[in-house]
C-alpha cells in the first residue's frame, strides 16, 4: 500500500481531507461547524429535512443562543436564540431599537403599535 501512496500523493491528500471533513462533521458537542468559506451552510443543508429538531438540539447544546455564520463576504450571520430573556428584550422591551426590513415591519406593525 505504501507504494500506492508514494506514487499518488494526491490520493494521500484526498484521504487526509476526507478524514478531516469526516471528523469535523461528526462533532460531539452538537453545534454546527462554522466553516471558513461556506459558514454553516453544509450543516443547514444536511439538516434541512429536520430543521426545527436540529435547531432545538444545537440550541440546547449551545446554552440557548448561538451565532450561525454565513459564507465569507456575505452579511448572513444569524443570531439564533431560545433564551426567554433575549426574546423579551428584543420583542417587548426594546422593539424599536432593532430595525426590520419593509416586509417584516408591515407584518409586525400590529405588534409595535405604530
N, C-alpha and C. Protein backbone atom coordinates (compact mmCIF):
# COMPACT_ATOMS: atom_id res chain seq x y z
N UNK A 1 0.81 -1.18 0.00
CA UNK A 1 0.00 0.00 0.00
C UNK A 1 0.86 1.26 0.00
N UNK A 2 2.04 1.22 0.66
CA UNK A 2 2.89 2.41 0.69
C UNK A 2 3.38 2.80 -0.70
N UNK A 3 3.57 1.83 -1.59
CA UNK A 3 3.98 2.16 -2.96
C UNK A 3 2.87 2.92 -3.66
N UNK A 4 1.62 2.62 -3.31
CA UNK A 4 0.49 3.31 -3.92
C UNK A 4 0.45 4.77 -3.48
N UNK A 5 0.66 5.01 -2.18
CA UNK A 5 0.63 6.37 -1.67
C UNK A 5 1.85 7.16 -2.12
N UNK A 6 2.99 6.49 -2.28
CA UNK A 6 4.19 7.16 -2.77
C UNK A 6 4.07 7.58 -4.22
N UNK A 7 3.38 6.80 -5.02
CA UNK A 7 3.20 7.12 -6.43
C UNK A 7 2.11 8.15 -6.67
N UNK A 8 1.12 8.15 -5.80
CA UNK A 8 -0.03 9.04 -5.99
C UNK A 8 -0.23 9.91 -4.75
N UNK A 9 0.56 10.99 -4.62
CA UNK A 9 0.43 11.83 -3.42
C UNK A 9 -0.94 12.49 -3.33
N UNK A 10 -1.60 12.71 -4.47
CA UNK A 10 -2.93 13.32 -4.41
C UNK A 10 -3.94 12.40 -3.73
N UNK A 11 -3.68 11.08 -3.79
CA UNK A 11 -4.53 10.13 -3.08
C UNK A 11 -4.38 10.32 -1.57
N UNK A 12 -3.15 10.53 -1.13
CA UNK A 12 -2.90 10.76 0.29
C UNK A 12 -3.54 12.07 0.75
N UNK A 13 -3.43 13.11 -0.06
CA UNK A 13 -4.03 14.40 0.28
C UNK A 13 -5.54 14.30 0.34
N UNK A 14 -6.15 13.63 -0.63
CA UNK A 14 -7.61 13.50 -0.62
C UNK A 14 -8.09 12.64 0.54
N UNK A 15 -7.33 11.61 0.91
CA UNK A 15 -7.69 10.80 2.06
C UNK A 15 -7.61 11.63 3.34
N UNK A 16 -6.57 12.43 3.47
CA UNK A 16 -6.44 13.30 4.65
C UNK A 16 -7.58 14.32 4.71
N UNK A 17 -7.95 14.89 3.57
CA UNK A 17 -9.07 15.84 3.53
C UNK A 17 -10.37 15.16 3.92
N UNK A 18 -10.58 13.96 3.43
CA UNK A 18 -11.79 13.22 3.77
C UNK A 18 -11.86 12.95 5.27
N UNK A 19 -10.75 12.51 5.85
CA UNK A 19 -10.74 12.22 7.28
C UNK A 19 -10.96 13.49 8.11
N UNK A 20 -10.38 14.60 7.68
CA UNK A 20 -10.57 15.86 8.38
C UNK A 20 -12.03 16.30 8.31
N UNK A 21 -12.63 16.24 7.12
CA UNK A 21 -14.03 16.62 6.98
C UNK A 21 -14.94 15.69 7.77
N UNK A 22 -14.66 14.39 7.74
CA UNK A 22 -15.46 13.43 8.49
C UNK A 22 -15.40 13.74 9.98
N UNK A 23 -14.20 14.06 10.46
CA UNK A 23 -14.02 14.40 11.87
C UNK A 23 -14.78 15.68 12.22
N UNK A 24 -14.70 16.69 11.34
CA UNK A 24 -15.36 17.97 11.63
C UNK A 24 -16.89 17.84 11.57
N UNK A 25 -17.41 17.01 10.68
CA UNK A 25 -18.86 16.85 10.57
C UNK A 25 -19.43 16.04 11.71
N UNK A 26 -18.63 15.23 12.36
CA UNK A 26 -19.10 14.39 13.46
C UNK A 26 -18.70 14.98 14.81
N UNK A 27 -18.94 16.26 14.99
CA UNK A 27 -18.64 16.90 16.27
C UNK A 27 -19.53 16.31 17.34
N UNK A 28 -19.02 16.18 18.51
CA UNK A 28 -19.75 15.57 19.61
C UNK A 28 -20.54 16.57 20.44
N UNK A 29 -20.27 17.87 20.26
CA UNK A 29 -20.98 18.85 21.09
C UNK A 29 -22.33 19.24 20.53
N UNK A 30 -22.65 18.80 19.31
CA UNK A 30 -23.96 19.07 18.73
C UNK A 30 -24.08 20.41 18.04
N UNK A 31 -23.03 21.22 18.05
CA UNK A 31 -23.09 22.54 17.44
C UNK A 31 -22.68 22.48 15.98
N UNK A 32 -23.28 23.31 15.13
CA UNK A 32 -22.88 23.31 13.72
C UNK A 32 -21.47 23.89 13.57
N UNK A 33 -20.74 23.39 12.60
CA UNK A 33 -19.39 23.87 12.33
C UNK A 33 -19.48 25.11 11.45
N UNK A 34 -18.83 26.19 11.85
CA UNK A 34 -18.75 27.39 11.03
C UNK A 34 -17.49 27.28 10.18
N UNK A 35 -17.65 26.76 8.96
CA UNK A 35 -16.53 26.53 8.04
C UNK A 35 -15.95 27.86 7.58
N UNK A 36 -14.67 27.88 7.20
CA UNK A 36 -14.02 29.14 6.80
C UNK A 36 -14.67 29.83 5.61
N UNK A 37 -15.07 29.13 4.57
CA UNK A 37 -15.57 29.79 3.38
C UNK A 37 -17.10 29.73 3.29
N UNK A 38 -17.68 28.61 3.60
CA UNK A 38 -19.13 28.43 3.40
C UNK A 38 -19.94 28.59 4.67
N UNK A 39 -19.30 28.90 5.79
CA UNK A 39 -20.03 29.10 7.04
C UNK A 39 -20.72 27.82 7.51
N UNK A 40 -21.96 27.94 7.90
CA UNK A 40 -22.72 26.79 8.41
C UNK A 40 -23.63 26.19 7.35
N UNK A 41 -23.47 26.59 6.09
CA UNK A 41 -24.33 26.07 5.02
C UNK A 41 -24.34 24.55 4.91
N UNK A 42 -23.19 23.85 5.05
CA UNK A 42 -23.25 22.39 4.98
C UNK A 42 -24.12 21.79 6.08
N UNK A 43 -24.02 22.30 7.29
CA UNK A 43 -24.83 21.77 8.39
C UNK A 43 -26.31 22.06 8.17
N UNK A 44 -26.62 23.23 7.64
CA UNK A 44 -28.02 23.57 7.35
C UNK A 44 -28.56 22.68 6.25
N UNK A 45 -27.76 22.44 5.22
CA UNK A 45 -28.20 21.59 4.11
C UNK A 45 -28.41 20.14 4.55
N UNK A 46 -27.53 19.64 5.39
CA UNK A 46 -27.65 18.26 5.87
C UNK A 46 -28.91 18.09 6.71
N UNK A 47 -29.25 19.11 7.50
CA UNK A 47 -30.39 19.02 8.41
C UNK A 47 -31.64 19.73 7.89
N UNK A 48 -31.71 20.00 6.60
CA UNK A 48 -32.85 20.75 6.05
C UNK A 48 -34.17 20.03 6.27
N UNK A 49 -34.19 18.73 6.26
CA UNK A 49 -35.42 17.98 6.44
C UNK A 49 -35.92 17.94 7.87
N UNK A 50 -35.06 18.32 8.80
CA UNK A 50 -35.44 18.30 10.22
C UNK A 50 -34.90 19.56 10.91
N UNK A 51 -35.14 20.69 10.27
CA UNK A 51 -34.53 21.94 10.71
C UNK A 51 -34.96 22.33 12.13
N UNK A 52 -36.23 22.14 12.48
CA UNK A 52 -36.69 22.55 13.81
C UNK A 52 -36.08 21.67 14.91
N UNK A 53 -36.02 20.38 14.66
CA UNK A 53 -35.41 19.48 15.65
C UNK A 53 -33.93 19.78 15.81
N UNK A 54 -33.26 20.03 14.67
CA UNK A 54 -31.83 20.33 14.69
C UNK A 54 -31.56 21.62 15.46
N UNK A 55 -32.36 22.67 15.19
CA UNK A 55 -32.18 23.93 15.91
C UNK A 55 -32.38 23.74 17.41
N UNK A 56 -33.38 22.96 17.78
CA UNK A 56 -33.62 22.69 19.20
C UNK A 56 -32.44 21.97 19.82
N UNK A 57 -31.90 20.97 19.13
CA UNK A 57 -30.77 20.20 19.65
C UNK A 57 -29.54 21.07 19.85
N UNK A 58 -29.18 21.87 18.84
CA UNK A 58 -27.93 22.61 19.00
C UNK A 58 -28.10 23.84 19.89
N UNK A 59 -29.31 24.40 19.98
CA UNK A 59 -29.51 25.49 20.94
C UNK A 59 -29.43 24.98 22.37
N UNK A 60 -29.90 23.78 22.59
CA UNK A 60 -29.78 23.18 23.92
C UNK A 60 -28.29 22.97 24.25
N UNK A 61 -27.51 22.51 23.27
CA UNK A 61 -26.08 22.28 23.48
C UNK A 61 -25.30 23.59 23.62
N UNK A 62 -25.78 24.67 22.97
CA UNK A 62 -25.07 25.95 22.98
C UNK A 62 -25.44 26.83 24.16
N UNK A 63 -26.40 26.43 24.96
CA UNK A 63 -26.80 27.27 26.07
C UNK A 63 -27.84 28.29 25.67
N UNK A 64 -28.68 27.96 24.72
CA UNK A 64 -29.85 28.72 24.27
C UNK A 64 -29.58 29.84 23.28
N UNK A 65 -28.34 30.21 22.99
CA UNK A 65 -28.03 31.23 21.99
C UNK A 65 -26.79 30.81 21.20
N UNK A 66 -26.80 31.13 19.89
CA UNK A 66 -25.68 30.74 19.03
C UNK A 66 -25.66 31.64 17.80
N UNK A 67 -24.47 31.94 17.29
CA UNK A 67 -24.33 32.72 16.05
C UNK A 67 -23.98 31.75 14.93
N UNK A 68 -24.85 31.68 13.94
CA UNK A 68 -24.59 30.85 12.75
C UNK A 68 -23.96 31.76 11.71
N UNK A 69 -22.75 31.41 11.31
CA UNK A 69 -22.01 32.23 10.35
C UNK A 69 -22.41 31.87 8.93
N UNK A 70 -22.55 32.89 8.11
CA UNK A 70 -22.78 32.69 6.69
C UNK A 70 -21.46 32.61 5.96
N UNK A 71 -21.51 32.47 4.64
CA UNK A 71 -20.26 32.43 3.86
C UNK A 71 -19.47 33.73 4.01
N UNK A 72 -18.15 33.63 3.84
CA UNK A 72 -17.29 34.81 3.92
C UNK A 72 -17.75 35.84 2.91
N UNK A 73 -17.72 37.09 3.31
CA UNK A 73 -18.05 38.18 2.42
C UNK A 73 -19.54 38.43 2.31
N UNK A 74 -20.36 37.66 2.97
CA UNK A 74 -21.80 37.89 2.92
C UNK A 74 -22.27 38.37 4.29
N UNK A 75 -23.32 39.17 4.30
CA UNK A 75 -23.82 39.67 5.58
C UNK A 75 -24.84 38.73 6.22
N UNK A 76 -24.58 37.43 6.15
CA UNK A 76 -25.58 36.45 6.58
C UNK A 76 -25.15 35.77 7.88
N UNK A 77 -24.79 36.54 8.87
CA UNK A 77 -24.55 35.98 10.19
C UNK A 77 -25.86 36.10 10.96
N UNK A 78 -26.34 35.01 11.51
CA UNK A 78 -27.65 34.98 12.15
C UNK A 78 -27.49 34.59 13.61
N UNK A 79 -28.07 35.39 14.49
CA UNK A 79 -28.10 35.04 15.91
C UNK A 79 -29.39 34.27 16.15
N UNK A 80 -29.25 33.05 16.64
CA UNK A 80 -30.40 32.21 16.94
C UNK A 80 -30.47 32.08 18.45
N UNK A 81 -31.64 32.37 19.01
CA UNK A 81 -31.78 32.31 20.46
C UNK A 81 -33.09 31.67 20.87
N UNK A 82 -33.06 30.99 21.98
CA UNK A 82 -34.27 30.45 22.59
C UNK A 82 -34.32 30.89 24.05
N UNK A 83 -33.45 31.82 24.42
CA UNK A 83 -33.40 32.33 25.78
C UNK A 83 -34.56 33.29 25.98
N UNK A 84 -35.45 33.02 26.91
CA UNK A 84 -36.62 33.89 27.12
C UNK A 84 -36.24 35.34 27.42
N UNK A 85 -35.14 35.57 28.11
CA UNK A 85 -34.72 36.94 28.42
C UNK A 85 -34.34 37.69 27.14
N UNK A 86 -33.65 37.03 26.21
CA UNK A 86 -33.28 37.67 24.94
C UNK A 86 -34.51 37.96 24.10
N UNK A 87 -35.43 37.02 24.05
CA UNK A 87 -36.64 37.21 23.26
C UNK A 87 -37.46 38.37 23.82
N UNK A 88 -37.60 38.43 25.13
CA UNK A 88 -38.35 39.53 25.75
C UNK A 88 -37.65 40.86 25.50
N UNK A 89 -36.32 40.87 25.54
CA UNK A 89 -35.57 42.11 25.30
C UNK A 89 -35.83 42.64 23.89
N UNK A 90 -35.81 41.76 22.91
CA UNK A 90 -35.97 42.19 21.52
C UNK A 90 -37.42 42.54 21.19
N UNK A 91 -38.36 41.71 21.62
CA UNK A 91 -39.74 41.88 21.17
C UNK A 91 -40.61 42.76 22.06
N UNK A 92 -40.24 42.96 23.31
CA UNK A 92 -41.10 43.78 24.16
C UNK A 92 -40.39 45.03 24.66
N UNK A 93 -39.29 44.85 25.35
CA UNK A 93 -38.63 45.99 26.00
C UNK A 93 -37.99 46.96 25.01
N UNK A 94 -37.39 46.47 23.94
CA UNK A 94 -36.64 47.33 23.02
C UNK A 94 -36.99 47.07 21.56
N UNK A 95 -38.24 46.90 21.25
CA UNK A 95 -38.64 46.55 19.89
C UNK A 95 -38.19 47.59 18.86
N UNK A 96 -38.27 48.84 19.19
CA UNK A 96 -37.90 49.91 18.27
C UNK A 96 -36.41 50.02 18.00
N UNK A 97 -35.59 49.45 18.86
CA UNK A 97 -34.14 49.53 18.69
C UNK A 97 -33.60 48.57 17.65
N UNK A 98 -34.42 47.65 17.17
CA UNK A 98 -33.97 46.65 16.21
C UNK A 98 -34.67 46.88 14.88
N UNK A 99 -33.97 47.52 13.92
CA UNK A 99 -34.60 47.83 12.63
C UNK A 99 -34.93 46.56 11.85
N UNK A 100 -36.08 46.60 11.20
CA UNK A 100 -36.53 45.48 10.37
C UNK A 100 -36.65 45.95 8.93
N UNK A 101 -36.76 45.03 8.03
CA UNK A 101 -36.99 45.37 6.64
C UNK A 101 -38.43 45.81 6.43
N UNK A 102 -38.74 46.32 5.25
CA UNK A 102 -40.09 46.80 4.96
C UNK A 102 -41.14 45.72 5.14
N UNK A 103 -40.87 44.53 4.58
CA UNK A 103 -41.85 43.45 4.63
C UNK A 103 -42.11 43.01 6.06
N UNK A 104 -41.04 42.84 6.85
CA UNK A 104 -41.20 42.42 8.23
C UNK A 104 -41.86 43.51 9.07
N UNK A 105 -41.55 44.77 8.78
CA UNK A 105 -42.17 45.88 9.51
C UNK A 105 -43.68 45.91 9.28
N UNK A 106 -44.11 45.59 8.07
CA UNK A 106 -45.55 45.54 7.78
C UNK A 106 -46.23 44.41 8.54
N UNK A 107 -45.56 43.28 8.64
CA UNK A 107 -46.12 42.14 9.37
C UNK A 107 -46.23 42.47 10.85
N UNK A 108 -45.20 43.10 11.43
CA UNK A 108 -45.18 43.37 12.85
C UNK A 108 -45.74 44.75 13.20
N UNK A 109 -46.40 45.41 12.26
CA UNK A 109 -46.98 46.73 12.51
C UNK A 109 -47.98 46.66 13.65
N UNK A 110 -48.72 45.57 13.73
CA UNK A 110 -49.72 45.39 14.79
C UNK A 110 -49.02 45.23 16.14
N UNK A 111 -47.91 44.50 16.16
CA UNK A 111 -47.19 44.26 17.42
C UNK A 111 -46.58 45.53 17.97
N UNK A 112 -46.00 46.34 17.09
CA UNK A 112 -45.30 47.55 17.56
C UNK A 112 -46.24 48.67 17.96
N UNK A 113 -47.48 48.62 17.49
CA UNK A 113 -48.45 49.64 17.87
C UNK A 113 -48.30 50.93 17.09
N UNK A 114 -47.55 50.91 15.98
CA UNK A 114 -47.34 52.14 15.19
C UNK A 114 -48.49 52.38 14.25
